[in-house]
Amino acid sequence: MQTQSPLFDEIARLMADAAGAVDGVRREAQTVARSQLQRLISDMDLVAREEFEAVRDMAIKARAENERLAARIAELEAKLGKTS
C-alpha cells in the first residue's frame, strides 16, 4: 500500500508486521495447547469406545448367565428340599 506520506507507509508496514507476529503467536499458542491437551488425555488412561462397548457387552452377558445359574440353583435346591 503506497500513500503520499512516508509516515503512513511506515505505519502500514508496522501494522502488517504486527499482524504477522500475532498470527505466529496464535499458531504457537494453539500448538502448545494441543500438545498439553494430548498429554493430559494420555495421562488419564482412557479407553477407546470400542473397548468400552466390548467390556459392557461381556458384563451384560455375565449378568444374564449369573441370573440363569441362580435360578437353576434355586430350582435344584427346591427339588432337594433345601432352603437358603
PDB file of N, CA and C in Angstrom:
ATOM      1  N   MET A   1       0.852  -1.167   0.000  1.00  0.00           N
ATOM      2  CA  MET A   1       0.000   0.000   0.000  1.00  0.00           C
ATOM      3  C   MET A   1       0.897   1.229   0.000  1.00  0.00           C
ATOM      4  N   GLN A   2       0.849   2.003  -1.069  1.00  0.00           N
ATOM      5  CA  GLN A   2       1.674   3.202  -1.229  1.00  0.00           C
ATOM      6  C   GLN A   2       0.799   4.424  -1.027  1.00  0.00           C
ATOM      7  N   THR A   3       1.229   5.326  -0.147  1.00  0.00           N
ATOM      8  CA  THR A   3       0.477   6.561   0.099  1.00  0.00           C
ATOM      9  C   THR A   3       1.374   7.751  -0.197  1.00  0.00           C
ATOM     10  N   GLN A   4       0.844   8.925   0.021  1.00  0.00           N
ATOM     11  CA  GLN A   4       1.604  10.148  -0.219  1.00  0.00           C
ATOM     12  C   GLN A   4       2.595  10.424   0.909  1.00  0.00           C
ATOM     13  N   SER A   5       2.320   9.915   2.084  1.00  0.00           N
ATOM     14  CA  SER A   5       3.158  10.233   3.232  1.00  0.00           C
ATOM     15  C   SER A   5       3.997   9.032   3.640  1.00  0.00           C
ATOM     16  N   PRO A   6       5.300   9.229   3.829  1.00  0.00           N
ATOM     17  CA  PRO A   6       6.155   8.133   4.300  1.00  0.00           C
ATOM     18  C   PRO A   6       5.766   7.670   5.706  1.00  0.00           C
ATOM     19  N   LEU A   7       5.195   8.571   6.510  1.00  0.00           N
ATOM     20  CA  LEU A   7       4.754   8.198   7.848  1.00  0.00           C
ATOM     21  C   LEU A   7       3.654   7.152   7.764  1.00  0.00           C
ATOM     22  N   PHE A   8       2.674   7.366   6.875  1.00  0.00           N
ATOM     23  CA  PHE A   8       1.587   6.399   6.704  1.00  0.00           C
ATOM     24  C   PHE A   8       2.097   5.082   6.134  1.00  0.00           C
ATOM     25  N   ASP A   9       3.106   5.185   5.243  1.00  0.00           N
ATOM     26  CA  ASP A   9       3.703   3.959   4.708  1.00  0.00           C
ATOM     27  C   ASP A   9       4.364   3.151   5.819  1.00  0.00           C
ATOM     28  N   GLU A  10       5.061   3.835   6.703  1.00  0.00           N
ATOM     29  CA  GLU A  10       5.728   3.160   7.813  1.00  0.00           C
ATOM     30  C   GLU A  10       4.708   2.551   8.773  1.00  0.00           C
ATOM     31  N   ILE A  11       3.646   3.276   9.067  1.00  0.00           N
ATOM     32  CA  ILE A  11       2.587   2.763   9.951  1.00  0.00           C
ATOM     33  C   ILE A  11       1.944   1.523   9.337  1.00  0.00           C
ATOM     34  N   ALA A  12       1.678   1.562   8.033  1.00  0.00           N
ATOM     35  CA  ALA A  12       1.071   0.417   7.354  1.00  0.00           C
ATOM     36  C   ALA A  12       1.996  -0.789   7.399  1.00  0.00           C
ATOM     37  N   ARG A  13       3.296  -0.554   7.212  1.00  0.00           N
ATOM     38  CA  ARG A  13       4.264  -1.651   7.268  1.00  0.00           C
ATOM     39  C   ARG A  13       4.328  -2.238   8.676  1.00  0.00           C
ATOM     40  N   LEU A  14       4.333  -1.397   9.696  1.00  0.00           N
ATOM     41  CA  LEU A  14       4.357  -1.869  11.077  1.00  0.00           C
ATOM     42  C   LEU A  14       3.098  -2.667  11.409  1.00  0.00           C
ATOM     43  N   MET A  15       1.951  -2.202  10.925  1.00  0.00           N
ATOM     44  CA  MET A  15       0.692  -2.920  11.168  1.00  0.00           C
ATOM     45  C   MET A  15       0.733  -4.306  10.509  1.00  0.00           C
ATOM     46  N   ALA A  16       1.254  -4.373   9.299  1.00  0.00           N
ATOM     47  CA  ALA A  16       1.351  -5.661   8.601  1.00  0.00           C
ATOM     48  C   ALA A  16       2.297  -6.600   9.355  1.00  0.00           C
ATOM     49  N   ASP A  17       3.423  -6.058   9.828  1.00  0.00           N
ATOM     50  CA  ASP A  17       4.364  -6.872  10.598  1.00  0.00           C
ATOM     51  C   ASP A  17       3.734  -7.348  11.901  1.00  0.00           C
ATOM     52  N   ALA A  18       2.988  -6.473  12.564  1.00  0.00           N
ATOM     53  CA  ALA A  18       2.334  -6.835  13.819  1.00  0.00           C
ATOM     54  C   ALA A  18       1.296  -7.928  13.587  1.00  0.00           C
ATOM     55  N   ALA A  19       0.547  -7.826  12.484  1.00  0.00           N
ATOM     56  CA  ALA A  19      -0.454  -8.848  12.176  1.00  0.00           C
ATOM     57  C   ALA A  19       0.213 -10.203  11.955  1.00  0.00           C
ATOM     58  N   GLY A  20       1.355 -10.199  11.279  1.00  0.00           N
ATOM     59  CA  GLY A  20       2.097 -11.444  11.068  1.00  0.00           C
ATOM     60  C   GLY A  20       2.607 -12.023  12.380  1.00  0.00           C
ATOM     61  N   ALA A  21       3.082 -11.159  13.261  1.00  0.00           N
ATOM     62  CA  ALA A  21       3.583 -11.618  14.555  1.00  0.00           C
ATOM     63  C   ALA A  21       2.450 -12.187  15.399  1.00  0.00           C
ATOM     64  N   VAL A  22       1.299 -11.531  15.378  1.00  0.00           N
ATOM     65  CA  VAL A  22       0.147 -12.015  16.143  1.00  0.00           C
ATOM     66  C   VAL A  22      -0.287 -13.377  15.621  1.00  0.00           C
ATOM     67  N   ASP A  23      -0.284 -13.558  14.315  1.00  0.00           N
ATOM     68  CA  ASP A  23      -0.660 -14.843  13.735  1.00  0.00           C
ATOM     69  C   ASP A  23       0.324 -15.931  14.168  1.00  0.00           C
ATOM     70  N   GLY A  24       1.607 -15.598  14.214  1.00  0.00           N
ATOM     71  CA  GLY A  24       2.612 -16.557  14.667  1.00  0.00           C
ATOM     72  C   GLY A  24       2.414 -16.941  16.128  1.00  0.00           C
ATOM     73  N   VAL A  25       2.097 -15.960  16.954  1.00  0.00           N
ATOM     74  CA  VAL A  25       1.842 -16.234  18.373  1.00  0.00           C
ATOM     75  C   VAL A  25       0.594 -17.100  18.522  1.00  0.00           C
ATOM     76  N   ARG A  26      -0.431 -16.824  17.724  1.00  0.00           N
ATOM     77  CA  ARG A  26      -1.660 -17.616  17.777  1.00  0.00           C
ATOM     78  C   ARG A  26      -1.375 -19.074  17.416  1.00  0.00           C
ATOM     79  N   ARG A  27      -0.614 -19.283  16.357  1.00  0.00           N
ATOM     80  CA  ARG A  27      -0.288 -20.656  15.951  1.00  0.00           C
ATOM     81  C   ARG A  27       0.537 -21.366  17.017  1.00  0.00           C
ATOM     82  N   GLU A  28       1.487 -20.658  17.626  1.00  0.00           N
ATOM     83  CA  GLU A  28       2.303 -21.252  18.681  1.00  0.00           C
ATOM     84  C   GLU A  28       1.448 -21.609  19.893  1.00  0.00           C
ATOM     85  N   ALA A  29       0.519 -20.728  20.256  1.00  0.00           N
ATOM     86  CA  ALA A  29      -0.374 -20.997  21.393  1.00  0.00           C
ATOM     87  C   ALA A  29      -1.250 -22.211  21.104  1.00  0.00           C
ATOM     88  N   GLN A  30      -1.741 -22.322  19.875  1.00  0.00           N
ATOM     89  CA  GLN A  30      -2.550 -23.487  19.509  1.00  0.00           C
ATOM     90  C   GLN A  30      -1.731 -24.766  19.606  1.00  0.00           C
ATOM     91  N   THR A  31      -0.504 -24.722  19.147  1.00  0.00           N
ATOM     92  CA  THR A  31       0.364 -25.900  19.192  1.00  0.00           C
ATOM     93  C   THR A  31       0.629 -26.324  20.637  1.00  0.00           C
ATOM     94  N   VAL A  32       0.932 -25.353  21.488  1.00  0.00           N
ATOM     95  CA  VAL A  32       1.195 -25.662  22.905  1.00  0.00           C
ATOM     96  C   VAL A  32      -0.060 -26.209  23.565  1.00  0.00           C
ATOM     97  N   ALA A  33      -1.216 -25.573  23.309  1.00  0.00           N
ATOM     98  CA  ALA A  33      -2.471 -26.026  23.919  1.00  0.00           C
ATOM     99  C   ALA A  33      -2.821 -27.438  23.449  1.00  0.00           C
ATOM    100  N   ARG A  34      -2.628 -27.708  22.172  1.00  0.00           N
ATOM    101  CA  ARG A  34      -2.934 -29.035  21.628  1.00  0.00           C
ATOM    102  C   ARG A  34      -2.035 -30.101  22.253  1.00  0.00           C
ATOM    103  N   SER A  35      -0.750 -29.810  22.378  1.00  0.00           N
ATOM    104  CA  SER A  35       0.157 -30.808  22.956  1.00  0.00           C
ATOM    105  C   SER A  35      -0.142 -31.020  24.446  1.00  0.00           C
ATOM    106  N   GLN A  36      -0.487 -29.967  25.162  1.00  0.00           N
ATOM    107  CA  GLN A  36      -0.845 -30.116  26.573  1.00  0.00           C
ATOM    108  C   GLN A  36      -2.118 -30.957  26.724  1.00  0.00           C
ATOM    109  N   LEU A  37      -3.096 -30.708  25.870  1.00  0.00           N
ATOM    110  CA  LEU A  37      -4.348 -31.466  25.928  1.00  0.00           C
ATOM    111  C   LEU A  37      -4.114 -32.936  25.596  1.00  0.00           C
ATOM    112  N   GLN A  38      -3.292 -33.195  24.590  1.00  0.00           N
ATOM    113  CA  GLN A  38      -2.986 -34.588  24.249  1.00  0.00           C
ATOM    114  C   GLN A  38      -2.263 -35.286  25.399  1.00  0.00           C
ATOM    115  N   ARG A  39      -1.341 -34.589  26.065  1.00  0.00           N
ATOM    116  CA  ARG A  39      -0.630 -35.172  27.207  1.00  0.00           C
ATOM    117  C   ARG A  39      -1.599 -35.439  28.353  1.00  0.00           C
ATOM    118  N   LEU A  40      -2.504 -34.506  28.608  1.00  0.00           N
ATOM    119  CA  LEU A  40      -3.486 -34.677  29.674  1.00  0.00           C
ATOM    120  C   LEU A  40      -4.387 -35.878  29.404  1.00  0.00           C
ATOM    121  N   ILE A  41      -4.849 -36.004  28.175  1.00  0.00           N
ATOM    122  CA  ILE A  41      -5.729 -37.125  27.816  1.00  0.00           C
ATOM    123  C   ILE A  41      -4.973 -38.450  27.925  1.00  0.00           C
ATOM    124  N   SER A  42      -3.729 -38.483  27.494  1.00  0.00           N
ATOM    125  CA  SER A  42      -2.977 -39.741  27.577  1.00  0.00           C
ATOM    126  C   SER A  42      -2.695 -40.110  29.034  1.00  0.00           C
ATOM    127  N   ASP A  43      -2.532 -39.119  29.903  1.00  0.00           N
ATOM    128  CA  ASP A  43      -2.311 -39.398  31.327  1.00  0.00           C
ATOM    129  C   ASP A  43      -3.579 -39.885  32.025  1.00  0.00           C
ATOM    130  N   MET A  44      -4.736 -39.641  31.457  1.00  0.00           N
ATOM    131  CA  MET A  44      -5.998 -40.029  32.086  1.00  0.00           C
ATOM    132  C   MET A  44      -6.277 -41.518  31.946  1.00  0.00           C
ATOM    133  N   ASP A  45      -5.530 -42.216  31.117  1.00  0.00           N
ATOM    134  CA  ASP A  45      -5.698 -43.657  30.927  1.00  0.00           C
ATOM    135  C   ASP A  45      -7.122 -43.985  30.469  1.00  0.00           C
ATOM    136  N   LEU A  46      -7.577 -43.284  29.449  1.00  0.00           N
ATOM    137  CA  LEU A  46      -8.907 -43.507  28.895  1.00  0.00           C
ATOM    138  C   LEU A  46      -8.904 -44.718  27.969  1.00  0.00           C
ATOM    139  N   VAL A  47     -10.067 -45.314  27.789  1.00  0.00           N
ATOM    140  CA  VAL A  47     -10.189 -46.442  26.871  1.00  0.00           C
ATOM    141  C   VAL A  47     -10.953 -45.999  25.638  1.00  0.00           C
ATOM    142  N   ALA A  48     -10.732 -46.722  24.563  1.00  0.00           N
ATOM    143  CA  ALA A  48     -11.449 -46.434  23.328  1.00  0.00           C
ATOM    144  C   ALA A  48     -12.909 -46.856  23.469  1.00  0.00           C
ATOM    145  N   ARG A  49     -13.768 -46.225  22.737  1.00  0.00           N
ATOM    146  CA  ARG A  49     -15.203 -46.519  22.792  1.00  0.00           C
ATOM    147  C   ARG A  49     -15.471 -47.989  22.469  1.00  0.00           C
ATOM    148  N   GLU A  50     -14.748 -48.528  21.479  1.00  0.00           N
ATOM    149  CA  GLU A  50     -14.950 -49.914  21.079  1.00  0.00           C
ATOM    150  C   GLU A  50     -14.608 -50.872  22.224  1.00  0.00           C
ATOM    151  N   GLU A  51     -13.523 -50.579  22.944  1.00  0.00           N
ATOM    152  CA  GLU A  51     -13.147 -51.426  24.071  1.00  0.00           C
ATOM    153  C   GLU A  51     -14.203 -51.360  25.169  1.00  0.00           C
ATOM    154  N   PHE A  52     -14.694 -50.164  25.443  1.00  0.00           N
ATOM    155  CA  PHE A  52     -15.730 -49.996  26.453  1.00  0.00           C
ATOM    156  C   PHE A  52     -16.971 -50.782  26.083  1.00  0.00           C
ATOM    157  N   GLU A  53     -17.396 -50.681  24.823  1.00  0.00           N
ATOM    158  CA  GLU A  53     -18.590 -51.392  24.354  1.00  0.00           C
ATOM    159  C   GLU A  53     -18.404 -52.901  24.501  1.00  0.00           C
ATOM    160  N   ALA A  54     -17.220 -53.411  24.167  1.00  0.00           N
ATOM    161  CA  ALA A  54     -16.961 -54.846  24.258  1.00  0.00           C
ATOM    162  C   ALA A  54     -17.041 -55.321  25.710  1.00  0.00           C
ATOM    163  N   VAL A  55     -16.445 -54.596  26.621  1.00  0.00           N
ATOM    164  CA  VAL A  55     -16.479 -54.986  28.033  1.00  0.00           C
ATOM    165  C   VAL A  55     -17.894 -54.872  28.588  1.00  0.00           C
ATOM    166  N   ARG A  56     -18.621 -53.841  28.166  1.00  0.00           N
ATOM    167  CA  ARG A  56     -20.007 -53.691  28.615  1.00  0.00           C
ATOM    168  C   ARG A  56     -20.858 -54.867  28.149  1.00  0.00           C
ATOM    169  N   ASP A  57     -20.692 -55.274  26.893  1.00  0.00           N
ATOM    170  CA  ASP A  57     -21.439 -56.427  26.379  1.00  0.00           C
ATOM    171  C   ASP A  57     -21.094 -57.698  27.152  1.00  0.00           C
ATOM    172  N   MET A  58     -19.808 -57.858  27.488  1.00  0.00           N
ATOM    173  CA  MET A  58     -19.407 -59.030  28.276  1.00  0.00           C
ATOM    174  C   MET A  58     -20.053 -58.999  29.656  1.00  0.00           C
ATOM    175  N   ALA A  59     -20.132 -57.826  30.270  1.00  0.00           N
ATOM    176  CA  ALA A  59     -20.747 -57.705  31.595  1.00  0.00           C
ATOM    177  C   ALA A  59     -22.241 -58.019  31.537  1.00  0.00           C
ATOM    178  N   ILE A  60     -22.908 -57.568  30.484  1.00  0.00           N
ATOM    179  CA  ILE A  60     -24.343 -57.854  30.326  1.00  0.00           C
ATOM    180  C   ILE A  60     -24.559 -59.361  30.195  1.00  0.00           C
ATOM    181  N   LYS A  61     -23.735 -60.019  29.385  1.00  0.00           N
ATOM    182  CA  LYS A  61     -23.857 -61.473  29.209  1.00  0.00           C
ATOM    183  C   LYS A  61     -23.553 -62.209  30.509  1.00  0.00           C
ATOM    184  N   ALA A  62     -22.538 -61.752  31.244  1.00  0.00           N
ATOM    185  CA  ALA A  62     -22.177 -62.406  32.504  1.00  0.00           C
ATOM    186  C   ALA A  62     -23.307 -62.251  33.518  1.00  0.00           C
ATOM    187  N   ARG A  63     -23.942 -61.079  33.562  1.00  0.00           N
ATOM    188  CA  ARG A  63     -25.048 -60.881  34.496  1.00  0.00           C
ATOM    189  C   ARG A  63     -26.225 -61.794  34.149  1.00  0.00           C
ATOM    190  N   ALA A  64     -26.532 -61.924  32.874  1.00  0.00           N
ATOM    191  CA  ALA A  64     -27.632 -62.798  32.445  1.00  0.00           C
ATOM    192  C   ALA A  64     -27.316 -64.249  32.804  1.00  0.00           C
ATOM    193  N   GLU A  65     -26.072 -64.655  32.576  1.00  0.00           N
ATOM    194  CA  GLU A  65     -25.669 -66.029  32.922  1.00  0.00           C
ATOM    195  C   GLU A  65     -25.747 -66.248  34.432  1.00  0.00           C
ATOM    196  N   ASN A  66     -25.343 -65.263  35.216  1.00  0.00           N
ATOM    197  CA  ASN A  66     -25.405 -65.355  36.671  1.00  0.00           C
ATOM    198  C   ASN A  66     -26.854 -65.508  37.136  1.00  0.00           C
ATOM    199  N   GLU A  67     -27.741 -64.728  36.550  1.00  0.00           N
ATOM    200  CA  GLU A  67     -29.158 -64.833  36.920  1.00  0.00           C
ATOM    201  C   GLU A  67     -29.725 -66.201  36.535  1.00  0.00           C
ATOM    202  N   ARG A  68     -29.330 -66.703  35.360  1.00  0.00           N
ATOM    203  CA  ARG A  68     -29.786 -68.015  34.921  1.00  0.00           C
ATOM    204  C   ARG A  68     -29.294 -69.105  35.862  1.00  0.00           C
ATOM    205  N   LEU A  69     -28.044 -69.016  36.254  1.00  0.00           N
ATOM    206  CA  LEU A  69     -27.484 -70.016  37.158  1.00  0.00           C
ATOM    207  C   LEU A  69     -28.095 -69.918  38.556  1.00  0.00           C
ATOM    208  N   ALA A  70     -28.373 -68.713  39.030  1.00  0.00           N
ATOM    209  CA  ALA A  70     -29.013 -68.555  40.337  1.00  0.00           C
ATOM    210  C   ALA A  70     -30.403 -69.176  40.322  1.00  0.00           C
ATOM    211  N   ALA A  71     -31.136 -68.990  39.237  1.00  0.00           N
ATOM    212  CA  ALA A  71     -32.467 -69.605  39.120  1.00  0.00           C
ATOM    213  C   ALA A  71     -32.338 -71.120  39.076  1.00  0.00           C
ATOM    214  N   ARG A  72     -31.349 -71.632  38.383  1.00  0.00           N
ATOM    215  CA  ARG A  72     -31.118 -73.085  38.294  1.00  0.00           C
ATOM    216  C   ARG A  72     -30.782 -73.657  39.672  1.00  0.00           C
ATOM    217  N   ILE A  73     -29.932 -72.968  40.420  1.00  0.00           N
ATOM    218  CA  ILE A  73     -29.580 -73.426  41.775  1.00  0.00           C
ATOM    219  C   ILE A  73     -30.817 -73.438  42.666  1.00  0.00           C
ATOM    220  N   ALA A  74     -31.611 -72.380  42.590  1.00  0.00           N
ATOM    221  CA  ALA A  74     -32.839 -72.314  43.402  1.00  0.00           C
ATOM    222  C   ALA A  74     -33.768 -73.465  43.041  1.00  0.00           C
ATOM    223  N   GLU A  75     -33.862 -73.782  41.765  1.00  0.00           N
ATOM    224  CA  GLU A  75     -34.717 -74.890  41.317  1.00  0.00           C
ATOM    225  C   GLU A  75     -34.207 -76.226  41.844  1.00  0.00           C
ATOM    226  N   LEU A  76     -32.908 -76.453  41.768  1.00  0.00           N
ATOM    227  CA  LEU A  76     -32.318 -77.697  42.260  1.00  0.00           C
ATOM    228  C   LEU A  76     -32.455 -77.818  43.778  1.00  0.00           C
ATOM    229  N   GLU A  77     -32.250 -76.692  44.483  1.00  0.00           N
ATOM    230  CA  GLU A  77     -32.403 -76.727  45.934  1.00  0.00           C
ATOM    231  C   GLU A  77     -33.842 -77.009  46.323  1.00  0.00           C
ATOM    232  N   ALA A  78     -34.794 -76.486  45.565  1.00  0.00           N
ATOM    233  CA  ALA A  78     -36.209 -76.753  45.849  1.00  0.00           C
ATOM    234  C   ALA A  78     -36.518 -78.221  45.646  1.00  0.00           C
ATOM    235  N   LYS A  79     -35.915 -78.840  44.629  1.00  0.00           N
ATOM    236  CA  LYS A  79     -36.122 -80.257  44.384  1.00  0.00           C
ATOM    237  C   LYS A  79     -35.549 -81.098  45.522  1.00  0.00           C
ATOM    238  N   LEU A  80     -34.449 -80.627  46.089  1.00  0.00           N
ATOM    239  CA  LEU A  80     -33.823 -81.346  47.175  1.00  0.00           C
ATOM    240  C   LEU A  80     -34.444 -81.013  48.525  1.00  0.00           C
ATOM    241  N   GLY A  81     -35.287 -80.031  48.569  1.00  0.00           N
ATOM    242  CA  GLY A  81     -35.933 -79.636  49.786  1.00  0.00           C
ATOM    243  C   GLY A  81     -35.100 -78.728  50.672  1.00  0.00           C
ATOM    244  N   LYS A  82     -34.120 -78.073  50.096  1.00  0.00           N
ATOM    245  CA  LYS A  82     -33.279 -77.180  50.862  1.00  0.00           C
ATOM    246  C   LYS A  82     -33.746 -75.737  50.666  1.00  0.00           C
ATOM    247  N   THR A  83     -33.508 -74.946  51.690  1.00  0.00           N
ATOM    248  CA  THR A  83     -33.767 -73.509  51.573  1.00  0.00           C
ATOM    249  C   THR A  83     -32.498 -72.783  52.024  1.00  0.00           C
ATOM    250  N   SER A  84     -32.252 -71.640  51.420  1.00  0.00           N
ATOM    251  CA  SER A  84     -31.057 -70.903  51.832  1.00  0.00           C
ATOM    252  C   SER A  84     -31.402 -69.485  52.154  1.00  0.00           C
TER     253      SER A  84
END
